[in-house]
Amino acid sequence: FSGAQFIHFLLGPAVVALAWPLWLRREELRRRWGQLLIAALAGGIAATGSTLLLGWAFGLPPAVILSLAPKSVTAPVAMGIAEQIGGIPALAAVFAVITGLVGALSGKYLFDALRIPTNRGGWAARGFALGTASHGIGAARAMQVNADAGAYAGLALGLQVVLASLLIPLAFKLF
């Protein structure tokens, strides 16, 4: 598994690449942490809730619906969440990757259609939305486009991983 060792070796620099832009904006993030947390919660609930409702409306099998629930977090986390709630981990990984690719490829066009500006605040909103919906793949794309977008996408990615890991299994245990 020498290929896996190489990827594991690159994971450290990748995490630093996402963390550095956040560090540079730490004062701004401290001021806005409450708003960002609420936005992350709302985005995560919308992503998971709409997926569950659509899956149910289309009559998908329960195991597929449960595998779709964590689609907006990175694949390894989605697999763990799916396993906890009774989904199929491999299917959850596929849905997560597809979600990331669709978001990374279509985000610019959607943001332009919604007239989200390309000023500092607009880049932050675009990045946060992309990181919320399209996890690591979206964050990587945002980082390529704009530093502010990349920083906020990385933050949103991290928040979604933590929130989804805690709240999706809890919600399925309660309901």
Protein backbone atom coordinates (compact mmCIF):
# COMPACT_ATOMS: atom_id res chain seq x y z
CA PHE A 1 0.00 0.00 0.00
CA SER A 2 2.79 2.39 -0.85
CA GLY A 3 0.30 4.62 -2.73
CA ALA A 4 -1.71 5.08 0.45
CA GLN A 5 1.44 6.10 2.34
CA PHE A 6 2.12 8.79 -0.25
CA ILE A 7 -1.42 10.17 0.11
CA HIS A 8 -1.11 10.05 3.90
CA PHE A 9 2.17 11.96 3.63
CA LEU A 10 0.46 14.67 1.55
CA LEU A 11 -2.45 14.98 3.98
CA GLY A 12 -0.40 17.06 6.41
CA PRO A 13 0.50 19.77 3.88
CA ALA A 14 -3.10 19.75 2.60
CA VAL A 15 -4.43 20.46 6.11
CA VAL A 16 -1.90 23.26 6.53
CA ALA A 17 -2.90 24.65 3.13
CA LEU A 18 -6.50 24.91 4.35
CA ALA A 19 -5.55 26.18 7.82
CA TRP A 20 -3.12 28.93 6.82
CA PRO A 21 -5.73 31.19 5.15
CA LEU A 22 -7.90 30.81 8.26
CA TRP A 23 -5.01 31.81 10.49
CA LEU A 24 -4.49 34.94 8.42
CA ARG A 25 -8.14 35.89 8.98
CA ARG A 26 -8.38 34.87 12.65
CA GLU A 27 -9.48 38.29 13.93
CA GLU A 28 -12.31 38.47 11.43
CA LEU A 29 -13.34 34.92 12.28
CA ARG A 30 -13.36 35.70 16.01
CA ARG A 31 -15.74 38.60 15.38
CA ARG A 32 -18.06 36.55 13.19
CA TRP A 33 -17.97 33.12 14.86
CA GLY A 34 -21.63 33.20 15.92
CA GLN A 35 -22.88 34.12 12.46
CA LEU A 36 -20.65 31.50 10.87
CA LEU A 37 -21.83 28.79 13.25
CA ILE A 38 -25.49 29.61 12.53
CA ALA A 39 -24.78 29.61 8.79
CA ALA A 40 -23.03 26.24 9.10
CA LEU A 41 -25.94 24.76 11.05
CA ALA A 42 -28.48 26.10 8.57
CA GLY A 43 -26.47 24.86 5.60
CA GLY A 44 -25.97 21.42 7.10
CA ILE A 45 -29.63 21.07 8.03
CA ALA A 46 -30.67 22.19 4.55
CA ALA A 47 -28.26 19.78 2.85
CA THR A 48 -29.25 16.79 4.94
CA GLY A 49 -32.94 17.62 5.27
CA SER A 50 -33.52 18.26 1.58
CA THR A 51 -31.70 15.05 0.71
CA LEU A 52 -33.80 13.00 3.10
CA LEU A 53 -37.04 14.57 1.85
CA LEU A 54 -36.15 14.06 -1.81
CA GLY A 55 -35.05 10.48 -1.21
CA TRP A 56 -38.29 9.73 0.60
CA ALA A 57 -40.39 11.54 -2.06
CA PHE A 58 -38.78 9.47 -4.83
CA GLY A 59 -39.34 6.26 -2.90
CA LEU A 60 -35.68 5.33 -2.52
CA PRO A 61 -34.87 2.34 -0.30
CA PRO A 62 -34.14 3.28 3.31
CA ALA A 63 -30.49 2.16 3.11
CA VAL A 64 -29.92 4.45 0.13
CA ILE A 65 -31.59 7.40 1.89
CA LEU A 66 -29.44 6.82 4.96
CA SER A 67 -26.36 6.68 2.72
CA LEU A 68 -27.34 10.00 1.12
CA ALA A 69 -27.79 11.83 4.43
CA PRO A 70 -24.09 12.69 4.98
CA LYS A 71 -23.37 13.53 1.31
CA SER A 72 -22.15 17.05 2.09
CA VAL A 73 -19.21 16.03 4.26
CA THR A 74 -15.96 14.58 3.03
CA ALA A 75 -16.07 10.92 1.97
CA PRO A 76 -14.31 9.26 4.95
CA VAL A 77 -16.55 11.09 7.42
CA ALA A 78 -19.65 10.36 5.33
CA MET A 79 -18.76 6.68 5.44
CA GLY A 80 -18.51 6.73 9.23
CA ILE A 81 -21.77 8.59 9.65
CA ALA A 82 -23.59 6.28 7.21
CA GLU A 83 -22.33 3.26 9.11
CA GLN A 84 -23.58 4.70 12.41
CA ILE A 85 -27.08 5.41 11.11
CA GLY A 86 -27.61 2.22 9.12
CA GLY A 87 -26.55 3.35 5.65
CA ILE A 88 -24.06 1.77 3.29
CA PRO A 89 -20.60 3.31 3.81
CA ALA A 90 -19.32 2.68 0.27
CA LEU A 91 -22.45 4.24 -1.20
CA ALA A 92 -22.09 7.24 1.12
CA ALA A 93 -18.54 7.76 -0.16
CA VAL A 94 -19.76 7.72 -3.76
CA PHE A 95 -22.52 10.23 -2.98
CA ALA A 96 -20.04 12.49 -1.16
CA VAL A 97 -17.60 12.49 -4.07
CA ILE A 98 -20.36 13.17 -6.61
CA THR A 99 -21.70 15.99 -4.43
CA GLY A 100 -18.25 17.54 -4.20
CA LEU A 101 -17.67 17.32 -7.93
CA VAL A 102 -21.07 18.76 -8.83
CA GLY A 103 -20.56 21.66 -6.42
CA ALA A 104 -17.03 22.40 -7.58
CA LEU A 105 -18.07 22.33 -11.24
CA SER A 106 -21.34 24.24 -10.96
CA GLY A 107 -20.69 26.63 -8.07
CA LYS A 108 -19.36 29.53 -10.13
CA TYR A 109 -22.33 29.46 -12.48
CA LEU A 110 -24.83 29.25 -9.62
CA PHE A 111 -23.16 32.08 -7.70
CA ASP A 112 -23.04 34.23 -10.83
CA ALA A 113 -26.73 33.50 -11.55
CA LEU A 114 -27.56 34.51 -7.96
CA ARG A 115 -25.44 37.65 -8.45
CA ILE A 116 -23.24 36.98 -5.46
CA PRO A 117 -20.52 39.62 -5.84
CA THR A 118 -16.83 39.02 -6.30
CA ASN A 119 -15.75 41.48 -3.63
CA ARG A 120 -14.25 40.40 -0.29
CA GLY A 121 -17.61 39.64 1.32
CA GLY A 122 -18.90 37.92 -1.79
CA TRP A 123 -15.85 35.68 -2.00
CA ALA A 124 -16.33 34.75 1.66
CA ALA A 125 -19.99 33.87 1.01
CA ARG A 126 -19.15 31.89 -2.12
CA GLY A 127 -16.42 29.98 -0.32
CA PHE A 128 -18.48 29.26 2.76
CA ALA A 129 -21.36 27.98 0.64
CA LEU A 130 -19.04 25.82 -1.43
CA GLY A 131 -17.33 24.35 1.63
CA THR A 132 -20.70 23.70 3.26
CA ALA A 133 -22.24 21.93 0.29
CA SER A 134 -19.24 20.46 -1.51
CA HIS A 135 -16.74 19.74 1.31
CA GLY A 136 -13.09 19.15 0.39
CA ILE A 137 -13.50 19.13 -3.37
CA GLY A 138 -15.39 22.44 -3.22
CA ALA A 139 -12.84 23.88 -0.78
CA ALA A 140 -9.98 22.92 -3.08
CA ARG A 141 -11.72 24.61 -6.00
CA ALA A 142 -12.45 27.73 -3.92
CA MET A 143 -8.78 27.88 -2.90
CA GLN A 144 -7.79 27.88 -6.58
CA VAL A 145 -10.11 30.78 -7.37
CA ASN A 146 -9.68 33.22 -4.46
CA ALA A 147 -7.86 33.26 -1.11
CA ASP A 148 -10.91 34.54 0.80
CA ALA A 149 -13.17 31.96 -0.83
CA GLY A 150 -10.66 29.24 0.01
CA ALA A 151 -10.34 30.30 3.64
CA TYR A 152 -14.09 30.34 4.20
CA ALA A 153 -14.56 27.08 2.29
CA GLY A 154 -11.98 25.41 4.53
CA LEU A 155 -13.74 26.74 7.61
CA ALA A 156 -17.13 25.56 6.37
CA LEU A 157 -15.70 22.14 5.53
CA GLY A 158 -14.35 21.78 9.06
CA LEU A 159 -17.55 22.98 10.68
CA GLN A 160 -19.66 20.61 8.58
CA VAL A 161 -17.49 17.64 9.49
CA VAL A 162 -17.81 18.35 13.21
CA LEU A 163 -21.51 19.26 13.13
CA ALA A 164 -22.55 16.38 10.88
CA SER A 165 -20.52 13.86 12.88
CA LEU A 166 -22.28 14.91 16.05
CA LEU A 167 -25.77 15.89 14.91
CA ILE A 168 -26.75 13.43 12.17
CA PRO A 169 -26.27 10.30 14.35
CA LEU A 170 -27.94 12.11 17.27
CA ALA A 171 -30.93 13.09 15.13
CA PHE A 172 -31.35 9.51 13.90
CA LYS A 173 -31.22 8.18 17.45
CA LEU A 174 -33.85 10.68 18.61
CA PHE A 175 -36.20 10.23 15.67
